[in-house]
Amino acid sequence: MTTVFFDVDTQLDFLYPAGALYVPGAEKLVPTLEKLTRYAAEHGFPMIATMDAHSEDDPEFQRWKPHCVVGTAGQQKVSGTRAPGQIVIEKQTVDCFSNPNLNPLVEQLKADRFVVYGVATEVCVQRAAFGLLKTGARVEVVSDAIKGIRAEDEQQMLERFRAAGGSTLKSSDVLA
């Protein structure tokens, strides 16, 4: 079985209170995100990481305040979520599949299973998880390695995800 770890937007602007578009409480995820990354690297699992990469006048800033502008500190991934061999997919929208390189990459990897984590649950994680479900592979969201902007929206997203055939698990299940 081929398992791919799928890291969604673990960037400074989202994960820390000083970030431009901070997801409240997301900094508490960092130790778990680092453990997942280290585990994947140590066990040779392929890793895909999505990253927002916006221009200074990006149209997305009409909906969200400016964040993850290319070349800024806030656009960088948290250091413990970077690993050798990790494939980074930059995106200019909330949907990682808007990058034309992602679908061919996912097809080439021929994954049976995707382990998904990151921020924000009801925005970018949702798009990634539902997009990956279309591959027919098993898609698992790591429930203690995600954070939503609003708890009720996060729970609704997870309910819809499970109803669509996805599953959730804890990081301890992944790291066992």
N, C-alpha and C. Protein backbone atom coordinates (compact mmCIF):
# COMPACT_ATOMS: atom_id res chain seq x y z
N MET A 1 0.85 -1.18 0.00
CA MET A 1 0.00 0.00 0.00
C MET A 1 0.89 1.24 0.00
N THR A 2 0.56 2.23 -0.83
CA THR A 2 1.29 3.49 -0.88
C THR A 2 0.53 4.55 -0.10
N THR A 3 1.16 5.04 0.95
CA THR A 3 0.58 6.10 1.77
C THR A 3 1.32 7.40 1.47
N VAL A 4 0.57 8.48 1.26
CA VAL A 4 1.13 9.81 1.03
C VAL A 4 0.67 10.73 2.14
N PHE A 5 1.60 11.43 2.76
CA PHE A 5 1.27 12.43 3.77
C PHE A 5 1.01 13.74 3.04
N PHE A 6 -0.09 14.40 3.41
CA PHE A 6 -0.55 15.60 2.70
C PHE A 6 -0.71 16.74 3.71
N ASP A 7 0.27 17.63 3.72
CA ASP A 7 0.38 18.75 4.65
C ASP A 7 -0.25 19.99 4.00
N VAL A 8 -1.27 20.54 4.62
CA VAL A 8 -2.00 21.67 4.05
C VAL A 8 -1.63 22.97 4.78
N ASP A 9 -0.92 23.83 4.10
CA ASP A 9 -0.70 25.24 4.50
C ASP A 9 -0.15 25.42 5.91
N THR A 10 0.84 24.64 6.29
CA THR A 10 1.43 24.80 7.62
C THR A 10 2.46 25.94 7.56
N GLN A 11 1.93 27.14 7.38
CA GLN A 11 2.74 28.34 7.17
C GLN A 11 2.62 29.29 8.36
N LEU A 12 3.66 30.09 8.53
CA LEU A 12 3.72 30.99 9.68
C LEU A 12 2.51 31.92 9.76
N ASP A 13 2.05 32.46 8.64
CA ASP A 13 0.91 33.39 8.67
C ASP A 13 -0.37 32.77 9.21
N PHE A 14 -0.48 31.45 9.17
CA PHE A 14 -1.68 30.78 9.67
C PHE A 14 -1.51 30.20 11.07
N LEU A 15 -0.30 29.79 11.40
CA LEU A 15 -0.10 29.00 12.62
C LEU A 15 0.26 29.79 13.88
N TYR A 16 0.67 31.02 13.74
CA TYR A 16 1.11 31.77 14.93
C TYR A 16 0.33 33.07 15.08
N PRO A 17 0.11 33.49 16.33
CA PRO A 17 -0.67 34.71 16.59
C PRO A 17 -0.17 35.95 15.85
N ALA A 18 1.11 36.05 15.58
CA ALA A 18 1.64 37.21 14.85
C ALA A 18 1.39 37.10 13.34
N GLY A 19 0.88 35.96 12.88
CA GLY A 19 0.65 35.75 11.46
C GLY A 19 -0.47 36.62 10.91
N ALA A 20 -0.38 36.90 9.64
CA ALA A 20 -1.33 37.80 8.99
C ALA A 20 -2.76 37.25 8.95
N LEU A 21 -2.92 35.94 8.91
CA LEU A 21 -4.25 35.33 8.87
C LEU A 21 -4.28 34.14 9.83
N TYR A 22 -3.95 34.44 11.07
CA TYR A 22 -3.82 33.45 12.14
C TYR A 22 -5.12 32.68 12.37
N VAL A 23 -5.01 31.38 12.45
CA VAL A 23 -6.12 30.50 12.82
C VAL A 23 -6.02 30.32 14.34
N PRO A 24 -6.96 30.88 15.10
CA PRO A 24 -6.85 30.85 16.57
C PRO A 24 -6.60 29.45 17.13
N GLY A 25 -5.54 29.35 17.92
CA GLY A 25 -5.17 28.08 18.55
C GLY A 25 -4.29 27.18 17.71
N ALA A 26 -4.00 27.57 16.48
CA ALA A 26 -3.25 26.70 15.57
C ALA A 26 -1.83 26.43 16.04
N GLU A 27 -1.25 27.35 16.81
CA GLU A 27 0.12 27.14 17.29
C GLU A 27 0.22 25.88 18.14
N LYS A 28 -0.88 25.46 18.75
CA LYS A 28 -0.87 24.24 19.57
C LYS A 28 -0.68 22.98 18.73
N LEU A 29 -0.92 23.08 17.43
CA LEU A 29 -0.75 21.93 16.53
C LEU A 29 0.70 21.66 16.18
N VAL A 30 1.55 22.67 16.33
CA VAL A 30 2.91 22.59 15.80
C VAL A 30 3.67 21.33 16.25
N PRO A 31 3.67 20.96 17.53
CA PRO A 31 4.40 19.73 17.89
C PRO A 31 3.87 18.48 17.16
N THR A 32 2.57 18.39 16.99
CA THR A 32 1.99 17.24 16.28
C THR A 32 2.33 17.29 14.80
N LEU A 33 2.28 18.47 14.20
CA LEU A 33 2.65 18.62 12.79
C LEU A 33 4.10 18.21 12.57
N GLU A 34 4.96 18.61 13.48
CA GLU A 34 6.38 18.25 13.39
C GLU A 34 6.57 16.74 13.52
N LYS A 35 5.84 16.11 14.44
CA LYS A 35 5.95 14.65 14.61
C LYS A 35 5.50 13.91 13.35
N LEU A 36 4.40 14.36 12.74
CA LEU A 36 3.91 13.73 11.52
C LEU A 36 4.93 13.85 10.40
N THR A 37 5.51 15.04 10.25
CA THR A 37 6.51 15.26 9.21
C THR A 37 7.74 14.39 9.44
N ARG A 38 8.22 14.35 10.67
CA ARG A 38 9.40 13.55 11.00
C ARG A 38 9.11 12.06 10.75
N TYR A 39 7.93 11.60 11.16
CA TYR A 39 7.55 10.20 10.97
C TYR A 39 7.53 9.85 9.48
N ALA A 40 6.90 10.70 8.68
CA ALA A 40 6.83 10.44 7.24
C ALA A 40 8.22 10.38 6.63
N ALA A 41 9.08 11.32 7.02
CA ALA A 41 10.44 11.35 6.47
C ALA A 41 11.23 10.11 6.90
N GLU A 42 11.14 9.75 8.17
CA GLU A 42 11.90 8.60 8.68
C GLU A 42 11.44 7.28 8.07
N HIS A 43 10.17 7.20 7.68
CA HIS A 43 9.63 5.96 7.12
C HIS A 43 9.53 5.98 5.59
N GLY A 44 10.04 7.03 4.98
CA GLY A 44 10.09 7.10 3.52
C GLY A 44 8.76 7.30 2.82
N PHE A 45 7.78 7.84 3.53
CA PHE A 45 6.49 8.11 2.89
C PHE A 45 6.61 9.36 2.02
N PRO A 46 6.04 9.34 0.83
CA PRO A 46 6.00 10.57 0.03
C PRO A 46 5.22 11.64 0.79
N MET A 47 5.67 12.89 0.65
CA MET A 47 5.00 14.02 1.31
C MET A 47 4.71 15.11 0.30
N ILE A 48 3.47 15.54 0.29
CA ILE A 48 3.06 16.70 -0.49
C ILE A 48 2.69 17.79 0.51
N ALA A 49 3.19 18.99 0.28
CA ALA A 49 2.84 20.13 1.14
C ALA A 49 2.30 21.24 0.26
N THR A 50 1.12 21.74 0.60
CA THR A 50 0.59 22.89 -0.12
C THR A 50 1.00 24.15 0.61
N MET A 51 1.16 25.23 -0.15
CA MET A 51 1.53 26.52 0.42
C MET A 51 0.82 27.63 -0.34
N ASP A 52 0.19 28.53 0.40
CA ASP A 52 -0.31 29.74 -0.22
C ASP A 52 0.89 30.54 -0.72
N ALA A 53 0.77 31.13 -1.89
CA ALA A 53 1.83 31.93 -2.49
C ALA A 53 1.18 33.07 -3.27
N HIS A 54 0.94 34.17 -2.58
CA HIS A 54 0.19 35.28 -3.17
C HIS A 54 1.07 36.43 -3.60
N SER A 55 0.61 37.15 -4.63
CA SER A 55 1.24 38.42 -5.01
C SER A 55 0.69 39.50 -4.08
N GLU A 56 1.32 40.65 -4.07
CA GLU A 56 0.91 41.73 -3.16
C GLU A 56 -0.51 42.22 -3.44
N ASP A 57 -0.97 42.08 -4.67
CA ASP A 57 -2.32 42.57 -5.03
C ASP A 57 -3.23 41.41 -5.44
N ASP A 58 -3.04 40.27 -4.81
CA ASP A 58 -3.78 39.07 -5.16
C ASP A 58 -5.29 39.30 -5.03
N PRO A 59 -6.09 38.86 -6.02
CA PRO A 59 -7.55 39.01 -5.94
C PRO A 59 -8.16 38.34 -4.70
N GLU A 60 -7.49 37.30 -4.15
CA GLU A 60 -8.01 36.65 -2.96
C GLU A 60 -8.11 37.61 -1.78
N PHE A 61 -7.34 38.69 -1.81
CA PHE A 61 -7.34 39.65 -0.71
C PHE A 61 -8.61 40.50 -0.66
N GLN A 62 -9.49 40.32 -1.63
CA GLN A 62 -10.80 40.95 -1.54
C GLN A 62 -11.69 40.18 -0.57
N ARG A 63 -11.37 38.92 -0.38
CA ARG A 63 -12.15 38.10 0.56
C ARG A 63 -11.42 37.91 1.89
N TRP A 64 -10.12 37.66 1.83
CA TRP A 64 -9.29 37.43 3.01
C TRP A 64 -8.27 38.55 3.09
N LYS A 65 -7.88 38.91 4.31
CA LYS A 65 -6.86 39.96 4.41
C LYS A 65 -5.53 39.44 3.87
N PRO A 66 -4.65 40.33 3.44
CA PRO A 66 -3.38 39.88 2.85
C PRO A 66 -2.62 38.91 3.76
N HIS A 67 -2.10 37.85 3.14
CA HIS A 67 -1.38 36.80 3.86
C HIS A 67 -0.51 36.03 2.87
N CYS A 68 0.51 35.39 3.39
CA CYS A 68 1.37 34.49 2.61
C CYS A 68 1.83 35.10 1.29
N VAL A 69 2.23 36.37 1.35
CA VAL A 69 2.76 37.03 0.16
C VAL A 69 4.15 36.44 -0.12
N VAL A 70 4.38 36.08 -1.37
CA VAL A 70 5.64 35.45 -1.77
C VAL A 70 6.81 36.31 -1.30
N GLY A 71 7.77 35.64 -0.66
CA GLY A 71 8.97 36.31 -0.21
C GLY A 71 8.91 36.87 1.20
N THR A 72 7.75 36.83 1.82
CA THR A 72 7.64 37.32 3.20
C THR A 72 7.89 36.18 4.17
N ALA A 73 8.22 36.55 5.39
CA ALA A 73 8.43 35.53 6.43
C ALA A 73 7.16 34.73 6.66
N GLY A 74 6.02 35.37 6.63
CA GLY A 74 4.75 34.70 6.89
C GLY A 74 4.40 33.63 5.88
N GLN A 75 4.96 33.71 4.69
CA GLN A 75 4.67 32.71 3.67
C GLN A 75 5.44 31.41 3.91
N GLN A 76 6.46 31.45 4.72
CA GLN A 76 7.32 30.29 4.95
C GLN A 76 6.60 29.21 5.77
N LYS A 77 6.98 27.96 5.51
CA LYS A 77 6.47 26.85 6.32
C LYS A 77 7.15 26.86 7.68
N VAL A 78 6.44 26.39 8.68
CA VAL A 78 7.03 26.20 10.00
C VAL A 78 8.19 25.23 9.83
N SER A 79 9.32 25.52 10.45
CA SER A 79 10.54 24.76 10.18
C SER A 79 10.37 23.25 10.37
N GLY A 80 9.68 22.81 11.38
CA GLY A 80 9.51 21.39 11.64
C GLY A 80 8.58 20.68 10.67
N THR A 81 7.97 21.43 9.76
CA THR A 81 7.08 20.81 8.77
C THR A 81 7.75 20.72 7.40
N ARG A 82 9.03 21.04 7.35
CA ARG A 82 9.81 20.91 6.11
C ARG A 82 10.66 19.64 6.21
N ALA A 83 10.80 18.95 5.10
CA ALA A 83 11.61 17.72 5.10
C ALA A 83 12.22 17.50 3.73
N PRO A 84 13.38 16.87 3.68
CA PRO A 84 13.99 16.54 2.38
C PRO A 84 13.04 15.67 1.56
N GLY A 85 12.96 15.97 0.28
CA GLY A 85 12.12 15.18 -0.60
C GLY A 85 10.65 15.57 -0.62
N GLN A 86 10.26 16.46 0.28
CA GLN A 86 8.87 16.91 0.33
C GLN A 86 8.57 17.69 -0.95
N ILE A 87 7.44 17.41 -1.55
CA ILE A 87 7.03 18.11 -2.77
C ILE A 87 6.10 19.25 -2.37
N VAL A 88 6.49 20.47 -2.73
CA VAL A 88 5.71 21.65 -2.36
C VAL A 88 4.89 22.11 -3.56
N ILE A 89 3.60 22.27 -3.32
CA ILE A 89 2.68 22.76 -4.34
C ILE A 89 2.20 24.14 -3.90
N GLU A 90 2.61 25.16 -4.63
CA GLU A 90 2.15 26.52 -4.31
C GLU A 90 0.81 26.76 -4.98
N LYS A 91 0.01 27.58 -4.32
CA LYS A 91 -1.33 27.86 -4.84
C LYS A 91 -1.70 29.31 -4.56
N GLN A 92 -2.56 29.85 -5.39
CA GLN A 92 -3.03 31.21 -5.23
C GLN A 92 -4.49 31.29 -4.79
N THR A 93 -5.11 30.13 -4.61
CA THR A 93 -6.50 30.09 -4.16
C THR A 93 -6.60 29.10 -3.00
N VAL A 94 -7.78 29.02 -2.39
CA VAL A 94 -7.96 28.09 -1.28
C VAL A 94 -7.94 26.63 -1.74
N ASP A 95 -8.13 26.39 -3.02
CA ASP A 95 -8.18 25.04 -3.56
C ASP A 95 -6.82 24.64 -4.12
N CYS A 96 -6.16 23.70 -3.46
CA CYS A 96 -4.84 23.26 -3.92
C CYS A 96 -4.90 22.64 -5.31
N PHE A 97 -6.05 22.11 -5.70
CA PHE A 97 -6.17 21.51 -7.02
C PHE A 97 -6.26 22.55 -8.13
N SER A 98 -6.25 23.84 -7.76
CA SER A 98 -6.18 24.89 -8.77
C SER A 98 -4.77 24.95 -9.38
N ASN A 99 -3.77 24.36 -8.70
CA ASN A 99 -2.44 24.27 -9.27
C ASN A 99 -2.46 23.11 -10.27
N PRO A 100 -2.19 23.38 -11.54
CA PRO A 100 -2.31 22.32 -12.55
C PRO A 100 -1.31 21.17 -12.38
N ASN A 101 -0.34 21.33 -11.51
CA ASN A 101 0.63 20.25 -11.29
C ASN A 101 0.16 19.21 -10.29
N LEU A 102 -0.86 19.54 -9.48
CA LEU A 102 -1.23 18.62 -8.40
C LEU A 102 -1.90 17.34 -8.91
N ASN A 103 -2.88 17.44 -9.77
CA ASN A 103 -3.55 16.22 -10.25
C ASN A 103 -2.58 15.24 -10.90
N PRO A 104 -1.70 15.68 -11.82
CA PRO A 104 -0.75 14.73 -12.39
C PRO A 104 0.19 14.11 -11.34
N LEU A 105 0.58 14.91 -10.35
CA LEU A 105 1.43 14.39 -9.28
C LEU A 105 0.71 13.31 -8.49
N VAL A 106 -0.52 13.59 -8.10
CA VAL A 106 -1.31 12.62 -7.34
C VAL A 106 -1.48 11.33 -8.15
N GLU A 107 -1.76 11.46 -9.43
CA GLU A 107 -1.90 10.28 -10.29
C GLU A 107 -0.60 9.49 -10.38
N GLN A 108 0.52 10.19 -10.49
CA GLN A 108 1.82 9.53 -10.60
C GLN A 108 2.17 8.75 -9.33
N LEU A 109 1.78 9.27 -8.17
CA LEU A 109 2.10 8.61 -6.91
C LEU A 109 1.30 7.34 -6.68
N LYS A 110 0.16 7.22 -7.35
CA LYS A 110 -0.68 6.01 -7.23
C LYS A 110 -0.92 5.60 -5.77
N ALA A 111 -1.30 6.58 -4.98
CA ALA A 111 -1.52 6.33 -3.55
C ALA A 111 -2.79 5.54 -3.31
N ASP A 112 -2.72 4.66 -2.31
CA ASP A 112 -3.89 3.95 -1.83
C ASP A 112 -4.50 4.69 -0.65
N ARG A 113 -3.65 5.56 -0.05
CA ARG A 113 -4.06 6.23 1.19
C ARG A 113 -3.40 7.60 1.27
N PHE A 114 -4.18 8.59 1.70
CA PHE A 114 -3.67 9.93 1.97
C PHE A 114 -3.94 10.26 3.43
N VAL A 115 -2.92 10.77 4.11
CA VAL A 115 -3.04 11.22 5.50
C VAL A 115 -2.95 12.75 5.44
N VAL A 116 -4.05 13.42 5.79
CA VAL A 116 -4.19 14.86 5.58
C VAL A 116 -4.21 15.60 6.91
N TYR A 117 -3.50 16.73 6.95
CA TYR A 117 -3.48 17.57 8.15
C TYR A 117 -3.09 18.98 7.77
N GLY A 118 -3.38 19.95 8.67
CA GLY A 118 -3.01 21.34 8.44
C GLY A 118 -4.14 22.29 8.78
N VAL A 119 -4.15 23.45 8.13
CA VAL A 119 -5.13 24.51 8.42
C VAL A 119 -5.63 25.14 7.12
N ALA A 120 -6.67 25.83 7.18
CA ALA A 120 -7.78 25.81 8.12
C ALA A 120 -8.77 24.74 7.66
N THR A 121 -9.29 24.02 8.62
CA THR A 121 -10.08 22.82 8.34
C THR A 121 -11.20 23.06 7.34
N GLU A 122 -12.02 24.08 7.60
CA GLU A 122 -13.21 24.28 6.77
C GLU A 122 -12.93 25.09 5.51
N VAL A 123 -11.67 25.39 5.25
CA VAL A 123 -11.31 26.13 4.04
C VAL A 123 -10.37 25.26 3.21
N CYS A 124 -9.08 25.38 3.41
CA CYS A 124 -8.11 24.69 2.55
C CYS A 124 -8.01 23.19 2.82
N VAL A 125 -8.11 22.76 4.07
CA VAL A 125 -8.07 21.32 4.36
C VAL A 125 -9.28 20.66 3.71
N GLN A 126 -10.42 21.30 3.79
CA GLN A 126 -11.64 20.77 3.16
C GLN A 126 -11.43 20.55 1.67
N ARG A 127 -10.89 21.55 0.97
CA ARG A 127 -10.69 21.43 -0.48
C ARG A 127 -9.73 20.29 -0.80
N ALA A 128 -8.66 20.19 -0.01
CA ALA A 128 -7.69 19.11 -0.24
C ALA A 128 -8.32 17.74 0.01
N ALA A 129 -8.98 17.58 1.14
CA ALA A 129 -9.54 16.29 1.52
C ALA A 129 -10.60 15.82 0.52
N PHE A 130 -11.51 16.72 0.14
CA PHE A 130 -12.55 16.33 -0.81
C PHE A 130 -11.97 16.09 -2.20
N GLY A 131 -10.96 16.86 -2.57
CA GLY A 131 -10.30 16.64 -3.85
C GLY A 131 -9.60 15.29 -3.90
N LEU A 132 -8.97 14.92 -2.80
CA LEU A 132 -8.29 13.62 -2.74
C LEU A 132 -9.27 12.46 -2.74
N LEU A 133 -10.45 12.66 -2.17
CA LEU A 133 -11.46 11.59 -2.21
C LEU A 133 -11.81 11.20 -3.65
N LYS A 134 -11.71 12.14 -4.57
CA LYS A 134 -12.03 11.87 -5.97
C LYS A 134 -11.07 10.88 -6.61
N THR A 135 -9.92 10.66 -5.97
CA THR A 135 -8.95 9.70 -6.52
C THR A 135 -9.38 8.26 -6.30
N GLY A 136 -10.30 8.04 -5.36
CA GLY A 136 -10.71 6.69 -5.01
C GLY A 136 -9.86 6.07 -3.91
N ALA A 137 -8.81 6.77 -3.51
CA ALA A 137 -7.95 6.28 -2.43
C ALA A 137 -8.62 6.54 -1.08
N ARG A 138 -8.14 5.85 -0.07
CA ARG A 138 -8.59 6.12 1.30
C ARG A 138 -8.00 7.47 1.72
N VAL A 139 -8.84 8.33 2.27
CA VAL A 139 -8.39 9.65 2.72
C VAL A 139 -8.74 9.78 4.20
N GLU A 140 -7.70 10.03 4.99
CA GLU A 140 -7.86 10.15 6.44
C GLU A 140 -7.38 11.52 6.89
N VAL A 141 -8.24 12.24 7.60
CA VAL A 141 -7.87 13.53 8.17
C VAL A 141 -7.45 13.28 9.62
N VAL A 142 -6.30 13.81 9.99
CA VAL A 142 -5.77 13.64 11.34
C VAL A 142 -6.42 14.70 12.24
N SER A 143 -7.38 14.27 13.05
CA SER A 143 -8.25 15.21 13.77
C SER A 143 -7.53 16.07 14.81
N ASP A 144 -6.41 15.61 15.33
CA ASP A 144 -5.67 16.44 16.29
C ASP A 144 -4.50 17.17 15.63
N ALA A 145 -4.52 17.22 14.30
CA ALA A 145 -3.49 17.95 13.55
C ALA A 145 -4.15 18.89 12.54
N ILE A 146 -5.39 19.30 12.84
CA ILE A 146 -6.10 20.29 12.03
C ILE A 146 -6.68 21.33 12.97
N LYS A 147 -6.96 22.49 12.43
CA LYS A 147 -7.61 23.54 13.22
C LYS A 147 -8.44 24.38 12.28
N GLY A 148 -9.68 24.60 12.69
CA GLY A 148 -10.57 25.43 11.90
C GLY A 148 -10.66 26.83 12.46
N ILE A 149 -11.22 27.70 11.67
CA ILE A 149 -11.42 29.08 12.10
C ILE A 149 -12.55 29.13 13.12
N ARG A 150 -13.60 28.34 12.85
CA ARG A 150 -14.73 28.25 13.78
C ARG A 150 -15.00 26.78 14.06
N ALA A 151 -15.08 26.44 15.34
CA ALA A 151 -15.24 25.04 15.75
C ALA A 151 -16.47 24.39 15.11
N GLU A 152 -17.58 25.12 15.05
CA GLU A 152 -18.80 24.52 14.49
C GLU A 152 -18.65 24.26 12.99
N ASP A 153 -17.94 25.14 12.27
CA ASP A 153 -17.71 24.91 10.84
C ASP A 153 -16.77 23.73 10.63
N GLU A 154 -15.79 23.60 11.52
CA GLU A 154 -14.87 22.47 11.45
C GLU A 154 -15.63 21.16 11.63
N GLN A 155 -16.50 21.10 12.62
CA GLN A 155 -17.27 19.87 12.87
C GLN A 155 -18.19 19.54 11.71
N GLN A 156 -18.84 20.54 11.14
CA GLN A 156 -19.71 20.30 9.98
C GLN A 156 -18.91 19.76 8.80
N MET A 157 -17.73 20.32 8.58
CA MET A 157 -16.89 19.84 7.48
C MET A 157 -16.53 18.39 7.70
N LEU A 158 -16.11 18.04 8.92
CA LEU A 158 -15.71 16.65 9.20
C LEU A 158 -16.89 15.69 9.05
N GLU A 159 -18.08 16.12 9.43
CA GLU A 159 -19.27 15.28 9.24
C GLU A 159 -19.53 15.04 7.75
N ARG A 160 -19.46 16.10 6.94
CA ARG A 160 -19.65 15.96 5.49
C ARG A 160 -18.56 15.08 4.87
N PHE A 161 -17.35 15.24 5.36
CA PHE A 161 -16.22 14.44 4.86
C PHE A 161 -16.43 12.96 5.14
N ARG A 162 -16.82 12.63 6.36
CA ARG A 162 -17.08 11.22 6.70
C ARG A 162 -18.26 10.69 5.89
N ALA A 163 -19.29 11.50 5.70
CA ALA A 163 -20.45 11.07 4.92
C ALA A 163 -20.08 10.81 3.45
N ALA A 164 -19.04 11.49 2.97
CA ALA A 164 -18.59 11.33 1.59
C ALA A 164 -17.61 10.16 1.42
N GLY A 165 -17.28 9.48 2.52
CA GLY A 165 -16.40 8.31 2.44
C GLY A 165 -15.03 8.48 3.06
N GLY A 166 -14.74 9.67 3.58
CA GLY A 166 -13.46 9.89 4.26
C GLY A 166 -13.52 9.40 5.69
N SER A 167 -12.39 9.40 6.35
CA SER A 167 -12.36 9.02 7.75
C SER A 167 -11.43 9.94 8.51
N THR A 168 -11.57 9.90 9.83
CA THR A 168 -10.70 10.68 10.70
C THR A 168 -9.98 9.71 11.64
N LEU A 169 -8.82 10.13 12.07
CA LEU A 169 -8.06 9.37 13.03
C LEU A 169 -7.19 10.34 13.83
N LYS A 170 -6.61 9.86 14.90
CA LYS A 170 -5.72 10.66 15.74
C LYS A 170 -4.28 10.46 15.28
N SER A 171 -3.43 11.42 15.61
CA SER A 171 -2.02 11.29 15.25
C SER A 171 -1.39 10.06 15.90
N SER A 172 -1.85 9.70 17.08
CA SER A 172 -1.31 8.51 17.75
C SER A 172 -1.57 7.25 16.93
N ASP A 173 -2.68 7.22 16.16
CA ASP A 173 -2.96 6.08 15.28
C ASP A 173 -1.99 6.05 14.10
N VAL A 174 -1.65 7.23 13.60
CA VAL A 174 -0.73 7.33 12.46
C VAL A 174 0.69 6.97 12.89
N LEU A 175 1.07 7.46 14.06
CA LEU A 175 2.45 7.32 14.53
C LEU A 175 2.73 5.97 15.20
N ALA A 176 1.71 5.15 15.34
CA ALA A 176 1.87 3.85 16.04
C ALA A 176 2.71 2.88 15.23
